[in-house]
Structure formats: structure tokens, C-alpha cells
Amino acid sequence: MSIDDQFGERPPSWIELQSVIPMSKVEEITSLSGDNIRRTYRHYVIKLSARRDGMQLKNVLAIANGTARRA
């Protein structure tokens, strides 16, 4: 599911931007590998459990847009 499929023509709401997305979806949206994201943008990664990571949608969109700050 791409970001366009999820939100269509409307921009995501504030609560949707704050939601945490699993790393598999982050990889789809940004076209970067999970390892690359964890190395380059480690300050945005959120531990969901011992084996699962995620990231807030607002940070994912900033990475995809090229405006995110690198670690």
C-alpha cells in the first residue's frame, strides 16, 4: 500500500502524521532499506518491541521528500 492509496488526494491529518508506521511500510514509502534508515536516520526510529522498529509518518514523509535531518 503506497501513501497515495492510504490518503488519496487529501493530506494526512495531524493525528495521522503522529502515528507510528512499521519499518516495512517505511521501506516502501522511502525506497530505502531498513538498515540504511536505521544508520542514517536513527534519531527518528522508534522501538516498538525487542525485534520491531517503526517511525512516525511525519518523519517518513520528510525522508521521502528529502527535507529530513540526517544523524
PDB file of N, CA and C in Angstrom:
ATOM      1  N   MET A   1       0.839  -1.168   0.000  1.00  0.00           N
ATOM      2  CA  MET A   1       0.000   0.000   0.000  1.00  0.00           C
ATOM      3  C   MET A   1       0.890   1.239   0.000  1.00  0.00           C
ATOM      4  N   SER A   2       0.725   2.084  -0.966  1.00  0.00           N
ATOM      5  CA  SER A   2       1.520   3.301  -1.035  1.00  0.00           C
ATOM      6  C   SER A   2       0.832   4.403  -0.232  1.00  0.00           C
ATOM      7  N   ILE A   3       1.520   5.496  -0.064  1.00  0.00           N
ATOM      8  CA  ILE A   3       0.969   6.620   0.681  1.00  0.00           C
ATOM      9  C   ILE A   3      -0.225   7.219  -0.069  1.00  0.00           C
ATOM     10  N   ASP A   4      -0.200   7.172  -1.414  1.00  0.00           N
ATOM     11  CA  ASP A   4      -1.327   7.674  -2.194  1.00  0.00           C
ATOM     12  C   ASP A   4      -2.564   6.805  -2.002  1.00  0.00           C
ATOM     13  N   ASP A   5      -2.375   5.490  -1.909  1.00  0.00           N
ATOM     14  CA  ASP A   5      -3.502   4.593  -1.669  1.00  0.00           C
ATOM     15  C   ASP A   5      -4.119   4.841  -0.306  1.00  0.00           C
ATOM     16  N   GLN A   6      -3.285   5.158   0.667  1.00  0.00           N
ATOM     17  CA  GLN A   6      -3.764   5.325   2.031  1.00  0.00           C
ATOM     18  C   GLN A   6      -4.501   6.647   2.223  1.00  0.00           C
ATOM     19  N   PHE A   7      -4.026   7.726   1.613  1.00  0.00           N
ATOM     20  CA  PHE A   7      -4.604   9.043   1.858  1.00  0.00           C
ATOM     21  C   PHE A   7      -5.297   9.661   0.644  1.00  0.00           C
ATOM     22  N   GLY A   8      -5.105   9.130  -0.539  1.00  0.00           N
ATOM     23  CA  GLY A   8      -5.738   9.677  -1.732  1.00  0.00           C
ATOM     24  C   GLY A   8      -5.263  11.080  -2.030  1.00  0.00           C
ATOM     25  N   GLU A   9      -6.201  11.941  -2.323  1.00  0.00           N
ATOM     26  CA  GLU A   9      -5.877  13.326  -2.687  1.00  0.00           C
ATOM     27  C   GLU A   9      -5.699  14.241  -1.483  1.00  0.00           C
ATOM     28  N   ARG A  10      -6.198  13.834  -0.327  1.00  0.00           N
ATOM     29  CA  ARG A  10      -6.133  14.716   0.837  1.00  0.00           C
ATOM     30  C   ARG A  10      -4.807  14.529   1.581  1.00  0.00           C
ATOM     31  N   PRO A  11      -4.302  15.587   2.184  1.00  0.00           N
ATOM     32  CA  PRO A  11      -3.096  15.435   3.003  1.00  0.00           C
ATOM     33  C   PRO A  11      -3.443  14.716   4.306  1.00  0.00           C
ATOM     34  N   PRO A  12      -2.475  14.031   4.918  1.00  0.00           N
ATOM     35  CA  PRO A  12      -2.747  13.345   6.184  1.00  0.00           C
ATOM     36  C   PRO A  12      -3.066  14.352   7.293  1.00  0.00           C
ATOM     37  N   SER A  13      -3.950  13.978   8.195  1.00  0.00           N
ATOM     38  CA  SER A  13      -4.306  14.840   9.322  1.00  0.00           C
ATOM     39  C   SER A  13      -3.174  14.840  10.345  1.00  0.00           C
ATOM     40  N   TRP A  14      -3.308  15.706  11.343  1.00  0.00           N
ATOM     41  CA  TRP A  14      -2.281  15.807  12.377  1.00  0.00           C
ATOM     42  C   TRP A  14      -2.109  14.477  13.095  1.00  0.00           C
ATOM     43  N   ILE A  15      -3.203  13.817  13.442  1.00  0.00           N
ATOM     44  CA  ILE A  15      -3.125  12.559  14.174  1.00  0.00           C
ATOM     45  C   ILE A  15      -2.496  11.464  13.315  1.00  0.00           C
ATOM     46  N   GLU A  16      -2.747  11.480  12.014  1.00  0.00           N
ATOM     47  CA  GLU A  16      -2.119  10.514  11.109  1.00  0.00           C
ATOM     48  C   GLU A  16      -0.625  10.771  10.988  1.00  0.00           C
ATOM     49  N   LEU A  17      -0.218  12.034  10.991  1.00  0.00           N
ATOM     50  CA  LEU A  17       1.211  12.361  10.936  1.00  0.00           C
ATOM     51  C   LEU A  17       1.945  11.903  12.190  1.00  0.00           C
ATOM     52  N   GLN A  18       1.258  11.858  13.329  1.00  0.00           N
ATOM     53  CA  GLN A  18       1.861  11.420  14.584  1.00  0.00           C
ATOM     54  C   GLN A  18       1.892   9.898  14.726  1.00  0.00           C
ATOM     55  N   SER A  19       1.128   9.182  13.902  1.00  0.00           N
ATOM     56  CA  SER A  19       1.049   7.723  14.021  1.00  0.00           C
ATOM     57  C   SER A  19       2.394   7.076  13.673  1.00  0.00           C
ATOM     58  N   VAL A  20       2.646   5.923  14.291  1.00  0.00           N
ATOM     59  CA  VAL A  20       3.896   5.198  14.077  1.00  0.00           C
ATOM     60  C   VAL A  20       3.653   4.092  13.057  1.00  0.00           C
ATOM     61  N   ILE A  21       4.497   4.066  12.038  1.00  0.00           N
ATOM     62  CA  ILE A  21       4.380   3.110  10.934  1.00  0.00           C
ATOM     63  C   ILE A  21       5.473   2.058  11.102  1.00  0.00           C
ATOM     64  N   PRO A  22       5.152   0.780  10.855  1.00  0.00           N
ATOM     65  CA  PRO A  22       6.194  -0.260  10.938  1.00  0.00           C
ATOM     66  C   PRO A  22       7.273  -0.055   9.879  1.00  0.00           C
ATOM     67  N   MET A  23       8.470  -0.547  10.154  1.00  0.00           N
ATOM     68  CA  MET A  23       9.619  -0.336   9.275  1.00  0.00           C
ATOM     69  C   MET A  23       9.387  -0.881   7.866  1.00  0.00           C
ATOM     70  N   SER A  24       8.590  -1.929   7.719  1.00  0.00           N
ATOM     71  CA  SER A  24       8.329  -2.465   6.377  1.00  0.00           C
ATOM     72  C   SER A  24       7.622  -1.429   5.501  1.00  0.00           C
ATOM     73  N   LYS A  25       6.682  -0.678   6.071  1.00  0.00           N
ATOM     74  CA  LYS A  25       5.998   0.384   5.324  1.00  0.00           C
ATOM     75  C   LYS A  25       6.926   1.566   5.077  1.00  0.00           C
ATOM     76  N   VAL A  26       7.798   1.851   6.040  1.00  0.00           N
ATOM     77  CA  VAL A  26       8.771   2.939   5.882  1.00  0.00           C
ATOM     78  C   VAL A  26       9.675   2.646   4.687  1.00  0.00           C
ATOM     79  N   GLU A  27      10.114   1.391   4.568  1.00  0.00           N
ATOM     80  CA  GLU A  27      10.956   0.993   3.446  1.00  0.00           C
ATOM     81  C   GLU A  27      10.226   1.189   2.118  1.00  0.00           C
ATOM     82  N   GLU A  28       8.940   0.847   2.071  1.00  0.00           N
ATOM     83  CA  GLU A  28       8.147   1.020   0.841  1.00  0.00           C
ATOM     84  C   GLU A  28       8.040   2.488   0.455  1.00  0.00           C
ATOM     85  N   ILE A  29       7.718   3.336   1.422  1.00  0.00           N
ATOM     86  CA  ILE A  29       7.483   4.759   1.141  1.00  0.00           C
ATOM     87  C   ILE A  29       8.764   5.470   0.740  1.00  0.00           C
ATOM     88  N   THR A  30       9.878   5.182   1.432  1.00  0.00           N
ATOM     89  CA  THR A  30      11.130   5.906   1.175  1.00  0.00           C
ATOM     90  C   THR A  30      12.011   5.260   0.117  1.00  0.00           C
ATOM     91  N   SER A  31      11.750   4.001  -0.216  1.00  0.00           N
ATOM     92  CA  SER A  31      12.591   3.230  -1.149  1.00  0.00           C
ATOM     93  C   SER A  31      14.012   3.033  -0.617  1.00  0.00           C
ATOM     94  N   LEU A  32      14.173   3.075   0.696  1.00  0.00           N
ATOM     95  CA  LEU A  32      15.458   2.816   1.336  1.00  0.00           C
ATOM     96  C   LEU A  32      15.352   1.521   2.131  1.00  0.00           C
ATOM     97  N   SER A  33      16.478   0.846   2.321  1.00  0.00           N
ATOM     98  CA  SER A  33      16.466  -0.381   3.119  1.00  0.00           C
ATOM     99  C   SER A  33      16.340  -0.024   4.602  1.00  0.00           C
ATOM    100  N   GLY A  34      15.839  -0.964   5.377  1.00  0.00           N
ATOM    101  CA  GLY A  34      15.711  -0.749   6.814  1.00  0.00           C
ATOM    102  C   GLY A  34      17.040  -0.470   7.483  1.00  0.00           C
ATOM    103  N   ASP A  35      18.083  -1.170   7.060  1.00  0.00           N
ATOM    104  CA  ASP A  35      19.414  -0.945   7.635  1.00  0.00           C
ATOM    105  C   ASP A  35      19.920   0.466   7.339  1.00  0.00           C
ATOM    106  N   ASN A  36      19.705   0.920   6.114  1.00  0.00           N
ATOM    107  CA  ASN A  36      20.127   2.264   5.737  1.00  0.00           C
ATOM    108  C   ASN A  36      19.366   3.309   6.552  1.00  0.00           C
ATOM    109  N   ILE A  37      18.078   3.107   6.738  1.00  0.00           N
ATOM    110  CA  ILE A  37      17.270   4.037   7.527  1.00  0.00           C
ATOM    111  C   ILE A  37      17.760   4.052   8.970  1.00  0.00           C
ATOM    112  N   ARG A  38      18.014   2.885   9.552  1.00  0.00           N
ATOM    113  CA  ARG A  38      18.479   2.799  10.942  1.00  0.00           C
ATOM    114  C   ARG A  38      19.832   3.477  11.134  1.00  0.00           C
ATOM    115  N   ARG A  39      20.709   3.415  10.123  1.00  0.00           N
ATOM    116  CA  ARG A  39      22.024   4.067  10.219  1.00  0.00           C
ATOM    117  C   ARG A  39      21.929   5.567  10.017  1.00  0.00           C
ATOM    118  N   THR A  40      21.215   5.982   8.986  1.00  0.00           N
ATOM    119  CA  THR A  40      21.205   7.387   8.586  1.00  0.00           C
ATOM    120  C   THR A  40      20.228   8.247   9.388  1.00  0.00           C
ATOM    121  N   TYR A  41      19.104   7.673   9.774  1.00  0.00           N
ATOM    122  CA  TYR A  41      18.053   8.421  10.469  1.00  0.00           C
ATOM    123  C   TYR A  41      17.710   7.779  11.808  1.00  0.00           C
ATOM    124  N   ARG A  42      18.719   7.344  12.547  1.00  0.00           N
ATOM    125  CA  ARG A  42      18.494   6.604  13.796  1.00  0.00           C
ATOM    126  C   ARG A  42      17.750   7.421  14.847  1.00  0.00           C
ATOM    127  N   HIS A  43      17.841   8.741  14.799  1.00  0.00           N
ATOM    128  CA  HIS A  43      17.150   9.576  15.784  1.00  0.00           C
ATOM    129  C   HIS A  43      15.637   9.607  15.552  1.00  0.00           C
ATOM    130  N   TYR A  44      15.157   9.135  14.405  1.00  0.00           N
ATOM    131  CA  TYR A  44      13.719   9.065  14.131  1.00  0.00           C
ATOM    132  C   TYR A  44      13.136   7.679  14.404  1.00  0.00           C
ATOM    133  N   VAL A  45      13.971   6.662  14.547  1.00  0.00           N
ATOM    134  CA  VAL A  45      13.499   5.283  14.711  1.00  0.00           C
ATOM    135  C   VAL A  45      12.955   5.082  16.124  1.00  0.00           C
ATOM    136  N   ILE A  46      11.794   4.435  16.201  1.00  0.00           N
ATOM    137  CA  ILE A  46      11.128   4.143  17.467  1.00  0.00           C
ATOM    138  C   ILE A  46      11.094   2.630  17.646  1.00  0.00           C
ATOM    139  N   LYS A  47      11.525   2.146  18.827  1.00  0.00           N
ATOM    140  CA  LYS A  47      11.467   0.720  19.129  1.00  0.00           C
ATOM    141  C   LYS A  47      10.035   0.353  19.506  1.00  0.00           C
ATOM    142  N   LEU A  48       9.406  -0.527  18.711  1.00  0.00           N
ATOM    143  CA  LEU A  48       8.057  -0.992  19.017  1.00  0.00           C
ATOM    144  C   LEU A  48       8.099  -2.200  19.934  1.00  0.00           C
ATOM    145  N   SER A  49       9.101  -3.027  19.759  1.00  0.00           N
ATOM    146  CA  SER A  49       9.346  -4.179  20.631  1.00  0.00           C
ATOM    147  C   SER A  49      10.828  -4.524  20.487  1.00  0.00           C
ATOM    148  N   ALA A  50      11.221  -5.622  21.089  1.00  0.00           N
ATOM    149  CA  ALA A  50      12.637  -6.007  21.025  1.00  0.00           C
ATOM    150  C   ALA A  50      13.089  -6.270  19.589  1.00  0.00           C
ATOM    151  N   ARG A  51      12.177  -6.709  18.730  1.00  0.00           N
ATOM    152  CA  ARG A  51      12.555  -7.069  17.360  1.00  0.00           C
ATOM    153  C   ARG A  51      11.921  -6.184  16.289  1.00  0.00           C
ATOM    154  N   ARG A  52      11.083  -5.245  16.674  1.00  0.00           N
ATOM    155  CA  ARG A  52      10.378  -4.423  15.685  1.00  0.00           C
ATOM    156  C   ARG A  52      10.669  -2.946  15.883  1.00  0.00           C
ATOM    157  N   ASP A  53      10.871  -2.245  14.760  1.00  0.00           N
ATOM    158  CA  ASP A  53      11.092  -0.802  14.768  1.00  0.00           C
ATOM    159  C   ASP A  53       9.995  -0.128  13.955  1.00  0.00           C
ATOM    160  N   GLY A  54       9.825   1.161  14.187  1.00  0.00           N
ATOM    161  CA  GLY A  54       8.871   1.948  13.424  1.00  0.00           C
ATOM    162  C   GLY A  54       9.333   3.387  13.353  1.00  0.00           C
ATOM    163  N   MET A  55       8.495   4.226  12.751  1.00  0.00           N
ATOM    164  CA  MET A  55       8.828   5.629  12.599  1.00  0.00           C
ATOM    165  C   MET A  55       7.533   6.412  12.432  1.00  0.00           C
ATOM    166  N   GLN A  56       7.509   7.649  12.912  1.00  0.00           N
ATOM    167  CA  GLN A  56       6.324   8.481  12.743  1.00  0.00           C
ATOM    168  C   GLN A  56       6.170   8.856  11.274  1.00  0.00           C
ATOM    169  N   LEU A  57       4.916   8.924  10.838  1.00  0.00           N
ATOM    170  CA  LEU A  57       4.640   9.223   9.432  1.00  0.00           C
ATOM    171  C   LEU A  57       5.230  10.562   9.017  1.00  0.00           C
ATOM    172  N   LYS A  58       5.200  11.568   9.892  1.00  0.00           N
ATOM    173  CA  LYS A  58       5.745  12.885   9.519  1.00  0.00           C
ATOM    174  C   LYS A  58       7.233  12.789   9.194  1.00  0.00           C
ATOM    175  N   ASN A  59       7.966  11.947   9.912  1.00  0.00           N
ATOM    176  CA  ASN A  59       9.394  11.780   9.648  1.00  0.00           C
ATOM    177  C   ASN A  59       9.635  10.965   8.384  1.00  0.00           C
ATOM    178  N   VAL A  60       8.776   9.985   8.136  1.00  0.00           N
ATOM    179  CA  VAL A  60       8.881   9.189   6.904  1.00  0.00           C
ATOM    180  C   VAL A  60       8.688  10.084   5.688  1.00  0.00           C
ATOM    181  N   LEU A  61       7.684  10.941   5.743  1.00  0.00           N
ATOM    182  CA  LEU A  61       7.425  11.845   4.615  1.00  0.00           C
ATOM    183  C   LEU A  61       8.558  12.849   4.435  1.00  0.00           C
ATOM    184  N   ALA A  62       9.168  13.296   5.531  1.00  0.00           N
ATOM    185  CA  ALA A  62      10.312  14.213   5.423  1.00  0.00           C
ATOM    186  C   ALA A  62      11.502  13.521   4.764  1.00  0.00           C
ATOM    187  N   ILE A  63      11.733  12.254   5.094  1.00  0.00           N
ATOM    188  CA  ILE A  63      12.817  11.497   4.457  1.00  0.00           C
ATOM    189  C   ILE A  63      12.527  11.326   2.971  1.00  0.00           C
ATOM    190  N   ALA A  64      11.300  10.944   2.637  1.00  0.00           N
ATOM    191  CA  ALA A  64      10.930  10.742   1.234  1.00  0.00           C
ATOM    192  C   ALA A  64      11.022  12.042   0.441  1.00  0.00           C
ATOM    193  N   ASN A  65      10.740  13.159   1.103  1.00  0.00           N
ATOM    194  CA  ASN A  65      10.787  14.475   0.457  1.00  0.00           C
ATOM    195  C   ASN A  65      12.199  15.026   0.370  1.00  0.00           C
ATOM    196  N   GLY A  66      13.115  14.489   1.163  1.00  0.00           N
ATOM    197  CA  GLY A  66      14.498  14.976   1.157  1.00  0.00           C
ATOM    198  C   GLY A  66      14.755  16.112   2.122  1.00  0.00           C
ATOM    199  N   THR A  67      13.822  16.393   3.031  1.00  0.00           N
ATOM    200  CA  THR A  67      13.992  17.515   3.959  1.00  0.00           C
ATOM    201  C   THR A  67      14.358  17.070   5.365  1.00  0.00           C
ATOM    202  N   ALA A  68      14.516  15.771   5.599  1.00  0.00           N
ATOM    203  CA  ALA A  68      14.826  15.268   6.942  1.00  0.00           C
ATOM    204  C   ALA A  68      16.299  15.492   7.270  1.00  0.00           C
ATOM    205  N   ARG A  69      16.558  15.758   8.547  1.00  0.00           N
ATOM    206  CA  ARG A  69      17.925  15.937   9.035  1.00  0.00           C
ATOM    207  C   ARG A  69      18.563  14.577   9.252  1.00  0.00           C
ATOM    208  N   ARG A  70      19.776  14.398   8.739  1.00  0.00           N
ATOM    209  CA  ARG A  70      20.494  13.132   8.895  1.00  0.00           C
ATOM    210  C   ARG A  70      21.264  13.119  10.204  1.00  0.00           C
ATOM    211  N   ALA A  71      21.453  11.909  10.737  1.00  0.00           N
ATOM    212  CA  ALA A  71      22.196  11.759  12.001  1.00  0.00           C
ATOM    213  C   ALA A  71      23.685  11.917  11.781  1.00  0.00           C
TER     214      ALA A  71
END
